[in-house]
Amino acid sequence: MTLAAKLEFFKAAYAEETLREQQLRTYSNNYLGLAAAYTGFLFFVVEKARPTEAASWAVFVATALALSAGLALSLWVSKVARYEALFDPDAMSSEVGHGEDDFLLSRIADYTVACERNVEVNNRKAAVLEYATFAFVAGVVLSALYFVILLHDGIHP
């Protein structure tokens, strides 16, 4: 495989990881919208039918905590992260006059390091999004339990 072909391979890997970062940010933004809408709905319902028993208060607080955790984790993922720059322009300018093979080898190294470090950042963000998903699911399940308790106690939202 030629150096130019290897460079193209690493360019493609870097581009895929950049796309993955954008997808993770999109997922995080979707979670933020979902959390805002669902929390608004939940508080609207609570305004109409407040919890009166200890069990309904406990489930309501647990629901609010789970949704808040999901929201906080989604916000954490959407923050700006330190991604690896592709290359150092100052270092590149010192390579002027070197052979084409040396230049291509340096670019391959740049793409390799940037891709590896960006994979680490994206993997951490993906793991946090998994926790956010669990928190949101727990919040939805707990809110369903809250409504069942309200209906059982004879309070109709």
Protein backbone atom coordinates (compact mmCIF):
# COMPACT_ATOMS: atom_id res chain seq x y z
CA MET A 1 0.00 0.00 0.00
CA THR A 2 1.40 3.38 -0.96
CA LEU A 3 1.83 6.19 1.52
CA ALA A 4 -0.84 8.21 -0.29
CA ALA A 5 -3.31 5.31 0.08
CA LYS A 6 -2.45 4.96 3.77
CA LEU A 7 -3.00 8.68 4.21
CA GLU A 8 -6.45 8.39 2.59
CA PHE A 9 -7.30 5.52 4.95
CA PHE A 10 -6.44 7.56 8.03
CA LYS A 11 -8.27 10.59 6.63
CA ALA A 12 -11.39 8.45 6.30
CA ALA A 13 -11.01 7.11 9.86
CA TYR A 14 -10.66 10.67 11.17
CA ALA A 15 -13.72 11.79 9.19
CA GLU A 16 -15.76 8.89 10.62
CA GLU A 17 -14.82 9.87 14.17
CA THR A 18 -15.73 13.49 13.45
CA LEU A 19 -19.12 12.31 12.17
CA ARG A 20 -19.55 10.19 15.30
CA GLU A 21 -18.92 13.27 17.47
CA GLN A 22 -21.65 15.14 15.59
CA GLN A 23 -24.06 12.22 16.03
CA LEU A 24 -23.40 12.08 19.76
CA ARG A 25 -24.09 15.80 20.02
CA THR A 26 -27.35 15.33 18.07
CA TYR A 27 -28.41 12.52 20.43
CA SER A 28 -27.60 14.71 23.41
CA ASN A 29 -29.68 17.57 22.00
CA ASN A 30 -32.58 15.18 21.37
CA TYR A 31 -32.37 14.00 24.97
CA LEU A 32 -32.37 17.59 26.17
CA GLY A 33 -35.55 18.31 24.19
CA LEU A 34 -37.18 15.13 25.44
CA ALA A 35 -36.26 15.91 29.03
CA ALA A 36 -37.61 19.44 28.78
CA ALA A 37 -40.90 18.33 27.24
CA TYR A 38 -41.45 15.40 29.60
CA THR A 39 -40.50 17.38 32.70
CA GLY A 40 -42.85 20.17 31.66
CA PHE A 41 -45.67 17.67 31.17
CA LEU A 42 -44.96 16.05 34.53
CA PHE A 43 -45.01 19.34 36.42
CA PHE A 44 -48.19 20.37 34.59
CA VAL A 45 -49.88 17.18 35.79
CA VAL A 46 -48.54 17.61 39.33
CA GLU A 47 -50.02 21.08 39.43
CA LYS A 48 -53.45 19.54 38.81
CA ALA A 49 -53.02 16.55 41.15
CA ARG A 50 -50.46 17.03 43.87
CA PRO A 51 -49.09 14.01 45.68
CA THR A 52 -50.67 13.65 49.12
CA GLU A 53 -49.37 10.32 50.44
CA ALA A 54 -45.80 9.54 51.41
CA ALA A 55 -45.53 6.90 48.68
CA SER A 56 -46.67 9.27 45.94
CA TRP A 57 -44.27 11.97 47.20
CA ALA A 58 -41.39 9.49 47.25
CA VAL A 59 -42.10 8.30 43.71
CA PHE A 60 -42.52 11.88 42.50
CA VAL A 61 -39.17 12.91 44.02
CA ALA A 62 -37.48 9.80 42.56
CA THR A 63 -38.97 10.66 39.15
CA ALA A 64 -37.72 14.23 39.37
CA LEU A 65 -34.25 13.03 40.39
CA ALA A 66 -34.04 10.51 37.55
CA LEU A 67 -35.13 13.06 34.96
CA SER A 68 -32.74 15.62 36.42
CA ALA A 69 -29.88 13.12 36.23
CA GLY A 70 -30.72 12.41 32.59
CA LEU A 71 -30.83 16.13 31.87
CA ALA A 72 -27.51 16.79 33.63
CA LEU A 73 -25.77 13.92 31.85
CA SER A 74 -27.10 15.10 28.48
CA LEU A 75 -25.85 18.60 29.20
CA TRP A 76 -22.45 17.19 30.09
CA VAL A 77 -22.24 15.39 26.74
CA SER A 78 -23.21 18.52 24.82
CA LYS A 79 -20.40 20.57 26.34
CA VAL A 80 -17.40 21.44 24.26
CA ALA A 81 -14.71 18.79 24.61
CA ARG A 82 -11.01 18.86 23.94
CA TYR A 83 -10.52 17.13 20.64
CA GLU A 84 -7.10 16.57 19.15
CA ALA A 85 -6.11 19.04 16.46
CA LEU A 86 -5.20 17.44 13.19
CA PHE A 87 -1.75 19.06 12.93
CA ASP A 88 0.42 21.86 14.21
CA PRO A 89 0.87 24.53 11.52
CA ASP A 90 4.19 25.66 13.04
CA ALA A 91 5.58 22.14 12.89
CA MET A 92 4.36 21.77 9.30
CA SER A 93 6.14 24.93 8.21
CA SER A 94 9.44 23.50 9.48
CA GLU A 95 8.93 20.47 7.23
CA VAL A 96 9.11 22.54 4.06
CA GLY A 97 11.87 21.20 1.86
CA HIS A 98 11.67 17.65 3.16
CA GLY A 99 10.72 14.88 0.79
CA GLU A 100 7.15 13.95 -0.09
CA ASP A 101 7.44 10.64 1.76
CA ASP A 102 8.46 12.41 4.97
CA PHE A 103 5.54 14.78 4.59
CA LEU A 104 3.07 11.93 4.04
CA LEU A 105 4.46 9.98 6.99
CA SER A 106 4.03 13.02 9.22
CA ARG A 107 0.44 13.49 8.07
CA ILE A 108 -0.31 9.81 8.65
CA ALA A 109 1.04 10.17 12.19
CA ASP A 110 -1.08 13.31 12.70
CA TYR A 111 -4.25 11.58 11.57
CA THR A 112 -3.47 8.49 13.66
CA VAL A 113 -2.91 10.42 16.90
CA ALA A 114 -5.90 12.72 16.35
CA CYS A 115 -8.20 9.82 15.54
CA GLU A 116 -7.10 7.77 18.57
CA ARG A 117 -7.56 10.66 20.98
CA ASN A 118 -10.90 11.64 19.50
CA VAL A 119 -12.10 8.04 19.79
CA GLU A 120 -11.35 8.22 23.53
CA VAL A 121 -13.36 11.44 23.90
CA ASN A 122 -16.29 10.04 21.90
CA ASN A 123 -16.26 6.77 23.83
CA ARG A 124 -16.55 8.69 27.12
CA LYS A 125 -19.42 10.74 25.72
CA ALA A 126 -21.20 7.62 24.46
CA ALA A 127 -20.89 6.00 27.90
CA VAL A 128 -22.38 9.07 29.57
CA LEU A 129 -25.24 9.05 27.05
CA GLU A 130 -25.94 5.43 28.01
CA TYR A 131 -26.31 6.52 31.65
CA ALA A 132 -28.56 9.37 30.53
CA THR A 133 -30.72 6.85 28.66
CA PHE A 134 -31.05 4.71 31.80
CA ALA A 135 -31.95 7.79 33.84
CA PHE A 136 -34.63 8.85 31.36
CA VAL A 137 -36.12 5.37 31.18
CA ALA A 138 -36.16 5.22 34.99
CA GLY A 139 -37.84 8.63 35.07
CA VAL A 140 -40.55 7.52 32.62
CA VAL A 141 -41.16 4.27 34.50
CA LEU A 142 -41.31 6.10 37.82
CA SER A 143 -43.70 8.68 36.41
CA ALA A 144 -45.97 5.86 35.23
CA LEU A 145 -45.81 4.42 38.74
CA TYR A 146 -46.64 7.86 40.12
CA PHE A 147 -49.77 8.04 37.98
CA VAL A 148 -50.80 4.53 39.03
CA ILE A 149 -50.43 5.54 42.69
CA LEU A 150 -52.49 8.68 42.09
CA LEU A 151 -55.22 6.71 40.39
CA HIS A 152 -55.15 4.07 43.12
CA ASP A 153 -55.50 6.74 45.81
CA GLY A 154 -58.54 8.07 43.99
CA ILE A 155 -56.89 11.25 42.78
CA HIS A 156 -57.48 11.72 39.10
CA PRO A 157 -55.01 13.93 37.29
